[in-house]
Amino acid sequence: MKLEVQPEEIPRVKFFRVSWKEKAAVVKRKSGMNIRLVVFKSPEAYDALQKFCEEHSVEVVKTRDYLIMEKWEKRDSSRVL
């Protein structure tokens, strides 16, 4: 399903964790239904969504669990085997 939403329609995007290591986000809209994004094949898609928010001055909200998961990812990526 394809839905186009203009940045002006988005007051905030909330990032959260849905399982042990799965990311999710909800795009809050001024009118209409919110858009829930849970299953992205590429984890970089959430980084792209966050970058979109920064470019268009959309508020970003991250839950405590999501922040912890980001911290784990940074720690794991910095380890060299």
PDB file of N, CA and C in Angstrom:
ATOM      1  N   MET A   1       0.837  -1.175   0.000  1.00  0.00           N
ATOM      2  CA  MET A   1       0.000   0.000   0.000  1.00  0.00           C
ATOM      3  C   MET A   1       0.885   1.243   0.000  1.00  0.00           C
ATOM      4  N   LYS A   2       0.553   2.185  -0.829  1.00  0.00           N
ATOM      5  CA  LYS A   2       1.330   3.410  -0.934  1.00  0.00           C
ATOM      6  C   LYS A   2       0.461   4.585  -0.506  1.00  0.00           C
ATOM      7  N   LEU A   3       1.022   5.397   0.393  1.00  0.00           N
ATOM      8  CA  LEU A   3       0.317   6.562   0.892  1.00  0.00           C
ATOM      9  C   LEU A   3       1.292   7.722   0.943  1.00  0.00           C
ATOM     10  N   GLU A   4       0.942   8.814   0.314  1.00  0.00           N
ATOM     11  CA  GLU A   4       1.805   9.993   0.335  1.00  0.00           C
ATOM     12  C   GLU A   4       1.277  10.972   1.364  1.00  0.00           C
ATOM     13  N   VAL A   5       2.174  11.382   2.262  1.00  0.00           N
ATOM     14  CA  VAL A   5       1.833  12.330   3.313  1.00  0.00           C
ATOM     15  C   VAL A   5       2.836  13.466   3.239  1.00  0.00           C
ATOM     16  N   GLN A   6       2.355  14.677   3.242  1.00  0.00           N
ATOM     17  CA  GLN A   6       3.226  15.851   3.192  1.00  0.00           C
ATOM     18  C   GLN A   6       3.826  16.107   4.577  1.00  0.00           C
ATOM     19  N   PRO A   7       5.054  16.618   4.641  1.00  0.00           N
ATOM     20  CA  PRO A   7       5.689  16.891   5.939  1.00  0.00           C
ATOM     21  C   PRO A   7       4.862  17.823   6.833  1.00  0.00           C
ATOM     22  N   GLU A   8       4.104  18.724   6.232  1.00  0.00           N
ATOM     23  CA  GLU A   8       3.279  19.651   7.008  1.00  0.00           C
ATOM     24  C   GLU A   8       2.175  18.932   7.779  1.00  0.00           C
ATOM     25  N   GLU A   9       1.808  17.720   7.340  1.00  0.00           N
ATOM     26  CA  GLU A   9       0.757  16.943   7.991  1.00  0.00           C
ATOM     27  C   GLU A   9       1.274  16.151   9.183  1.00  0.00           C
ATOM     28  N   ILE A  10       2.591  16.171   9.419  1.00  0.00           N
ATOM     29  CA  ILE A  10       3.198  15.315  10.439  1.00  0.00           C
ATOM     30  C   ILE A  10       3.739  16.175  11.585  1.00  0.00           C
ATOM     31  N   PRO A  11       3.055  16.182  12.737  1.00  0.00           N
ATOM     32  CA  PRO A  11       3.597  16.942  13.866  1.00  0.00           C
ATOM     33  C   PRO A  11       4.723  16.202  14.595  1.00  0.00           C
ATOM     34  N   ARG A  12       4.673  14.856  14.610  1.00  0.00           N
ATOM     35  CA  ARG A  12       5.723  14.105  15.308  1.00  0.00           C
ATOM     36  C   ARG A  12       5.785  12.666  14.828  1.00  0.00           C
ATOM     37  N   VAL A  13       6.955  12.059  15.061  1.00  0.00           N
ATOM     38  CA  VAL A  13       7.160  10.639  14.786  1.00  0.00           C
ATOM     39  C   VAL A  13       7.678  10.021  16.075  1.00  0.00           C
ATOM     40  N   LYS A  14       7.046   8.939  16.493  1.00  0.00           N
ATOM     41  CA  LYS A  14       7.439   8.265  17.729  1.00  0.00           C
ATOM     42  C   LYS A  14       8.111   6.941  17.382  1.00  0.00           C
ATOM     43  N   PHE A  15       9.345   6.764  17.866  1.00  0.00           N
ATOM     44  CA  PHE A  15      10.096   5.529  17.668  1.00  0.00           C
ATOM     45  C   PHE A  15       9.992   4.687  18.938  1.00  0.00           C
ATOM     46  N   PHE A  16       9.784   3.376  18.771  1.00  0.00           N
ATOM     47  CA  PHE A  16       9.684   2.493  19.925  1.00  0.00           C
ATOM     48  C   PHE A  16      10.148   1.092  19.560  1.00  0.00           C
ATOM     49  N   ARG A  17      10.248   0.246  20.568  1.00  0.00           N
ATOM     50  CA  ARG A  17      10.700  -1.132  20.373  1.00  0.00           C
ATOM     51  C   ARG A  17       9.484  -2.046  20.440  1.00  0.00           C
ATOM     52  N   VAL A  18       9.434  -3.063  19.551  1.00  0.00           N
ATOM     53  CA  VAL A  18       8.288  -3.969  19.547  1.00  0.00           C
ATOM     54  C   VAL A  18       8.618  -5.375  20.012  1.00  0.00           C
ATOM     55  N   SER A  19       9.844  -5.797  19.901  1.00  0.00           N
ATOM     56  CA  SER A  19      10.256  -7.094  20.431  1.00  0.00           C
ATOM     57  C   SER A  19      11.677  -6.928  20.941  1.00  0.00           C
ATOM     58  N   TRP A  20      12.368  -8.015  21.145  1.00  0.00           N
ATOM     59  CA  TRP A  20      13.683  -7.915  21.765  1.00  0.00           C
ATOM     60  C   TRP A  20      14.611  -6.950  21.032  1.00  0.00           C
ATOM     61  N   LYS A  21      14.686  -7.050  19.710  1.00  0.00           N
ATOM     62  CA  LYS A  21      15.582  -6.167  18.951  1.00  0.00           C
ATOM     63  C   LYS A  21      14.940  -5.645  17.671  1.00  0.00           C
ATOM     64  N   GLU A  22      13.647  -5.415  17.701  1.00  0.00           N
ATOM     65  CA  GLU A  22      12.948  -4.905  16.522  1.00  0.00           C
ATOM     66  C   GLU A  22      12.499  -3.466  16.758  1.00  0.00           C
ATOM     67  N   LYS A  23      12.750  -2.625  15.774  1.00  0.00           N
ATOM     68  CA  LYS A  23      12.351  -1.224  15.849  1.00  0.00           C
ATOM     69  C   LYS A  23      10.981  -1.031  15.209  1.00  0.00           C
ATOM     70  N   ALA A  24      10.327   0.041  15.635  1.00  0.00           N
ATOM     71  CA  ALA A  24       9.046   0.416  15.044  1.00  0.00           C
ATOM     72  C   ALA A  24       8.887   1.926  15.183  1.00  0.00           C
ATOM     73  N   ALA A  25       7.947   2.469  14.440  1.00  0.00           N
ATOM     74  CA  ALA A  25       7.677   3.904  14.516  1.00  0.00           C
ATOM     75  C   ALA A  25       6.208   4.153  14.195  1.00  0.00           C
ATOM     76  N   VAL A  26       5.698   5.229  14.761  1.00  0.00           N
ATOM     77  CA  VAL A  26       4.348   5.681  14.441  1.00  0.00           C
ATOM     78  C   VAL A  26       4.464   7.113  13.948  1.00  0.00           C
ATOM     79  N   VAL A  27       3.953   7.347  12.757  1.00  0.00           N
ATOM     80  CA  VAL A  27       3.920   8.693  12.191  1.00  0.00           C
ATOM     81  C   VAL A  27       2.582   9.294  12.600  1.00  0.00           C
ATOM     82  N   LYS A  28       2.639  10.261  13.498  1.00  0.00           N
ATOM     83  CA  LYS A  28       1.421  10.930  13.968  1.00  0.00           C
ATOM     84  C   LYS A  28       1.014  11.962  12.921  1.00  0.00           C
ATOM     85  N   ARG A  29      -0.274  11.976  12.592  1.00  0.00           N
ATOM     86  CA  ARG A  29      -0.779  12.920  11.594  1.00  0.00           C
ATOM     87  C   ARG A  29      -1.721  13.916  12.246  1.00  0.00           C
ATOM     88  N   LYS A  30      -1.782  15.121  11.689  1.00  0.00           N
ATOM     89  CA  LYS A  30      -2.686  16.148  12.216  1.00  0.00           C
ATOM     90  C   LYS A  30      -4.137  15.742  12.025  1.00  0.00           C
ATOM     91  N   SER A  31      -4.436  15.133  10.885  1.00  0.00           N
ATOM     92  CA  SER A  31      -5.789  14.646  10.634  1.00  0.00           C
ATOM     93  C   SER A  31      -5.679  13.300   9.939  1.00  0.00           C
ATOM     94  N   GLY A  32      -6.643  12.466  10.163  1.00  0.00           N
ATOM     95  CA  GLY A  32      -6.596  11.133   9.578  1.00  0.00           C
ATOM     96  C   GLY A  32      -5.921  10.152  10.523  1.00  0.00           C
ATOM     97  N   MET A  33      -5.778   8.942  10.058  1.00  0.00           N
ATOM     98  CA  MET A  33      -5.200   7.888  10.895  1.00  0.00           C
ATOM     99  C   MET A  33      -3.684   8.000  10.944  1.00  0.00           C
ATOM    100  N   ASN A  34      -3.127   7.631  12.102  1.00  0.00           N
ATOM    101  CA  ASN A  34      -1.681   7.565  12.238  1.00  0.00           C
ATOM    102  C   ASN A  34      -1.160   6.395  11.413  1.00  0.00           C
ATOM    103  N   ILE A  35       0.113   6.450  11.054  1.00  0.00           N
ATOM    104  CA  ILE A  35       0.715   5.405  10.230  1.00  0.00           C
ATOM    105  C   ILE A  35       1.719   4.649  11.082  1.00  0.00           C
ATOM    106  N   ARG A  36       1.487   3.354  11.251  1.00  0.00           N
ATOM    107  CA  ARG A  36       2.361   2.508  12.066  1.00  0.00           C
ATOM    108  C   ARG A  36       3.325   1.775  11.141  1.00  0.00           C
ATOM    109  N   LEU A  37       4.622   1.929  11.407  1.00  0.00           N
ATOM    110  CA  LEU A  37       5.672   1.292  10.610  1.00  0.00           C
ATOM    111  C   LEU A  37       6.411   0.303  11.499  1.00  0.00           C
ATOM    112  N   VAL A  38       6.219  -0.988  11.235  1.00  0.00           N
ATOM    113  CA  VAL A  38       6.805  -1.984  12.123  1.00  0.00           C
ATOM    114  C   VAL A  38       7.815  -2.873  11.422  1.00  0.00           C
ATOM    115  N   VAL A  39       7.509  -3.358  10.256  1.00  0.00           N
ATOM    116  CA  VAL A  39       8.365  -4.359   9.635  1.00  0.00           C
ATOM    117  C   VAL A  39       9.065  -3.773   8.417  1.00  0.00           C
ATOM    118  N   PHE A  40      10.222  -3.167   8.655  1.00  0.00           N
ATOM    119  CA  PHE A  40      11.073  -2.728   7.557  1.00  0.00           C
ATOM    120  C   PHE A  40      12.113  -3.808   7.337  1.00  0.00           C
ATOM    121  N   LYS A  41      12.364  -4.176   6.090  1.00  0.00           N
ATOM    122  CA  LYS A  41      13.384  -5.185   5.809  1.00  0.00           C
ATOM    123  C   LYS A  41      14.769  -4.649   6.104  1.00  0.00           C
ATOM    124  N   SER A  42      14.943  -3.359   5.964  1.00  0.00           N
ATOM    125  CA  SER A  42      16.245  -2.743   6.197  1.00  0.00           C
ATOM    126  C   SER A  42      16.196  -1.904   7.473  1.00  0.00           C
ATOM    127  N   PRO A  43      17.060  -2.188   8.442  1.00  0.00           N
ATOM    128  CA  PRO A  43      17.072  -1.370   9.656  1.00  0.00           C
ATOM    129  C   PRO A  43      17.470   0.079   9.383  1.00  0.00           C
ATOM    130  N   GLU A  44      18.143   0.322   8.259  1.00  0.00           N
ATOM    131  CA  GLU A  44      18.538   1.684   7.903  1.00  0.00           C
ATOM    132  C   GLU A  44      17.325   2.557   7.555  1.00  0.00           C
ATOM    133  N   ALA A  45      16.190   1.937   7.310  1.00  0.00           N
ATOM    134  CA  ALA A  45      14.983   2.700   6.986  1.00  0.00           C
ATOM    135  C   ALA A  45      14.589   3.607   8.148  1.00  0.00           C
ATOM    136  N   TYR A  46      14.813   3.155   9.378  1.00  0.00           N
ATOM    137  CA  TYR A  46      14.492   3.986  10.539  1.00  0.00           C
ATOM    138  C   TYR A  46      15.443   5.172  10.627  1.00  0.00           C
ATOM    139  N   ASP A  47      16.699   4.966  10.240  1.00  0.00           N
ATOM    140  CA  ASP A  47      17.658   6.075  10.192  1.00  0.00           C
ATOM    141  C   ASP A  47      17.222   7.096   9.143  1.00  0.00           C
ATOM    142  N   ALA A  48      16.739   6.604   8.010  1.00  0.00           N
ATOM    143  CA  ALA A  48      16.260   7.500   6.946  1.00  0.00           C
ATOM    144  C   ALA A  48      15.031   8.287   7.415  1.00  0.00           C
ATOM    145  N   LEU A  49      14.149   7.630   8.155  1.00  0.00           N
ATOM    146  CA  LEU A  49      12.967   8.311   8.686  1.00  0.00           C
ATOM    147  C   LEU A  49      13.378   9.394   9.684  1.00  0.00           C
ATOM    148  N   GLN A  50      14.357   9.088  10.504  1.00  0.00           N
ATOM    149  CA  GLN A  50      14.846  10.075  11.467  1.00  0.00           C
ATOM    150  C   GLN A  50      15.493  11.267  10.744  1.00  0.00           C
ATOM    151  N   LYS A  51      16.243  10.983   9.695  1.00  0.00           N
ATOM    152  CA  LYS A  51      16.859  12.053   8.908  1.00  0.00           C
ATOM    153  C   LYS A  51      15.779  12.925   8.255  1.00  0.00           C
ATOM    154  N   PHE A  52      14.719  12.289   7.737  1.00  0.00           N
ATOM    155  CA  PHE A  52      13.590  13.020   7.162  1.00  0.00           C
ATOM    156  C   PHE A  52      13.006  13.981   8.194  1.00  0.00           C
ATOM    157  N   CYS A  53      12.844  13.501   9.420  1.00  0.00           N
ATOM    158  CA  CYS A  53      12.289  14.342  10.489  1.00  0.00           C
ATOM    159  C   CYS A  53      13.182  15.545  10.760  1.00  0.00           C
ATOM    160  N   GLU A  54      14.482  15.328  10.777  1.00  0.00           N
ATOM    161  CA  GLU A  54      15.420  16.429  11.011  1.00  0.00           C
ATOM    162  C   GLU A  54      15.352  17.461   9.884  1.00  0.00           C
ATOM    163  N   GLU A  55      15.287  16.991   8.645  1.00  0.00           N
ATOM    164  CA  GLU A  55      15.258  17.887   7.487  1.00  0.00           C
ATOM    165  C   GLU A  55      13.986  18.722   7.418  1.00  0.00           C
ATOM    166  N   HIS A  56      12.870  18.163   7.908  1.00  0.00           N
ATOM    167  CA  HIS A  56      11.576  18.838   7.798  1.00  0.00           C
ATOM    168  C   HIS A  56      11.065  19.359   9.145  1.00  0.00           C
ATOM    169  N   SER A  57      11.933  19.419  10.132  1.00  0.00           N
ATOM    170  CA  SER A  57      11.590  19.949  11.467  1.00  0.00           C
ATOM    171  C   SER A  57      10.381  19.254  12.081  1.00  0.00           C
ATOM    172  N   VAL A  58      10.354  17.925  11.965  1.00  0.00           N
ATOM    173  CA  VAL A  58       9.300  17.124  12.579  1.00  0.00           C
ATOM    174  C   VAL A  58       9.826  16.644  13.931  1.00  0.00           C
ATOM    175  N   GLU A  59       9.000  16.784  14.969  1.00  0.00           N
ATOM    176  CA  GLU A  59       9.407  16.360  16.309  1.00  0.00           C
ATOM    177  C   GLU A  59       9.647  14.849  16.336  1.00  0.00           C
ATOM    178  N   VAL A  60      10.744  14.436  16.976  1.00  0.00           N
ATOM    179  CA  VAL A  60      11.081  13.023  17.121  1.00  0.00           C
ATOM    180  C   VAL A  60      10.958  12.655  18.596  1.00  0.00           C
ATOM    181  N   VAL A  61      10.189  11.601  18.875  1.00  0.00           N
ATOM    182  CA  VAL A  61      10.033  11.094  20.230  1.00  0.00           C
ATOM    183  C   VAL A  61      10.550   9.664  20.231  1.00  0.00           C
ATOM    184  N   LYS A  62      11.439   9.357  21.186  1.00  0.00           N
ATOM    185  CA  LYS A  62      11.968   7.998  21.310  1.00  0.00           C
ATOM    186  C   LYS A  62      11.676   7.496  22.718  1.00  0.00           C
ATOM    187  N   THR A  63      11.145   6.280  22.801  1.00  0.00           N
ATOM    188  CA  THR A  63      10.877   5.707  24.112  1.00  0.00           C
ATOM    189  C   THR A  63      12.189   5.309  24.782  1.00  0.00           C
ATOM    190  N   ARG A  64      12.130   5.098  26.075  1.00  0.00           N
ATOM    191  CA  ARG A  64      13.322   4.696  26.824  1.00  0.00           C
ATOM    192  C   ARG A  64      13.893   3.386  26.272  1.00  0.00           C
ATOM    193  N   ASP A  65      13.029   2.420  25.986  1.00  0.00           N
ATOM    194  CA  ASP A  65      13.481   1.137  25.440  1.00  0.00           C
ATOM    195  C   ASP A  65      14.168   1.311  24.093  1.00  0.00           C
ATOM    196  N   TYR A  66      13.653   2.199  23.269  1.00  0.00           N
ATOM    197  CA  TYR A  66      14.258   2.447  21.958  1.00  0.00           C
ATOM    198  C   TYR A  66      15.654   3.034  22.122  1.00  0.00           C
ATOM    199  N   LEU A  67      15.810   3.974  23.053  1.00  0.00           N
ATOM    200  CA  LEU A  67      17.121   4.575  23.307  1.00  0.00           C
ATOM    201  C   LEU A  67      18.122   3.531  23.794  1.00  0.00           C
ATOM    202  N   ILE A  68      17.662   2.613  24.642  1.00  0.00           N
ATOM    203  CA  ILE A  68      18.534   1.531  25.118  1.00  0.00           C
ATOM    204  C   ILE A  68      18.953   0.651  23.954  1.00  0.00           C
ATOM    205  N   MET A  69      18.017   0.330  23.067  1.00  0.00           N
ATOM    206  CA  MET A  69      18.327  -0.505  21.910  1.00  0.00           C
ATOM    207  C   MET A  69      19.338   0.185  20.994  1.00  0.00           C
ATOM    208  N   GLU A  70      19.209   1.492  20.793  1.00  0.00           N
ATOM    209  CA  GLU A  70      20.189   2.232  19.991  1.00  0.00           C
ATOM    210  C   GLU A  70      21.574   2.161  20.635  1.00  0.00           C
ATOM    211  N   LYS A  71      21.608   2.247  21.946  1.00  0.00           N
ATOM    212  CA  LYS A  71      22.874   2.168  22.675  1.00  0.00           C
ATOM    213  C   LYS A  71      23.522   0.798  22.464  1.00  0.00           C
ATOM    214  N   TRP A  72      22.707  -0.271  22.526  1.00  0.00           N
ATOM    215  CA  TRP A  72      23.229  -1.625  22.288  1.00  0.00           C
ATOM    216  C   TRP A  72      23.807  -1.738  20.887  1.00  0.00           C
ATOM    217  N   GLU A  73      23.090  -1.190  19.898  1.00  0.00           N
ATOM    218  CA  GLU A  73      23.550  -1.267  18.509  1.00  0.00           C
ATOM    219  C   GLU A  73      24.889  -0.564  18.327  1.00  0.00           C
ATOM    220  N   LYS A  74      25.043   0.600  18.941  1.00  0.00           N
ATOM    221  CA  LYS A  74      26.318   1.319  18.846  1.00  0.00           C
ATOM    222  C   LYS A  74      27.439   0.507  19.480  1.00  0.00           C
ATOM    223  N   ARG A  75      27.146  -0.078  20.633  1.00  0.00           N
ATOM    224  CA  ARG A  75      28.145  -0.879  21.327  1.00  0.00           C
ATOM    225  C   ARG A  75      28.533  -2.098  20.484  1.00  0.00           C
ATOM    226  N   ASP A  76      27.549  -2.778  19.928  1.00  0.00           N
ATOM    227  CA  ASP A  76      27.823  -3.972  19.123  1.00  0.00           C
ATOM    228  C   ASP A  76      28.569  -3.634  17.839  1.00  0.00           C
ATOM    229  N   SER A  77      28.246  -2.505  17.225  1.00  0.00           N
ATOM    230  CA  SER A  77      28.909  -2.142  15.971  1.00  0.00           C
ATOM    231  C   SER A  77      30.342  -1.670  16.197  1.00  0.00           C
ATOM    232  N   SER A  78      30.646  -1.208  17.402  1.00  0.00           N
ATOM    233  CA  SER A  78      32.009  -0.736  17.676  1.00  0.00           C
ATOM    234  C   SER A  78      32.953  -1.873  18.048  1.00  0.00           C
ATOM    235  N   ARG A  79      32.410  -3.032  18.354  1.00  0.00           N
ATOM    236  CA  ARG A  79      33.255  -4.185  18.693  1.00  0.00           C
ATOM    237  C   ARG A  79      33.892  -4.757  17.435  1.00  0.00           C
ATOM    238  N   VAL A  80      35.143  -5.102  17.555  1.00  0.00           N
ATOM    239  CA  VAL A  80      35.862  -5.712  16.437  1.00  0.00           C
ATOM    240  C   VAL A  80      36.174  -7.141  16.826  1.00  0.00           C
ATOM    241  N   LEU A  81      35.813  -8.069  15.964  1.00  0.00           N
ATOM    242  CA  LEU A  81      36.068  -9.487  16.260  1.00  0.00           C
ATOM    243  C   LEU A  81      37.399  -9.925  15.746  1.00  0.00           C
TER     244      LEU A  81
END
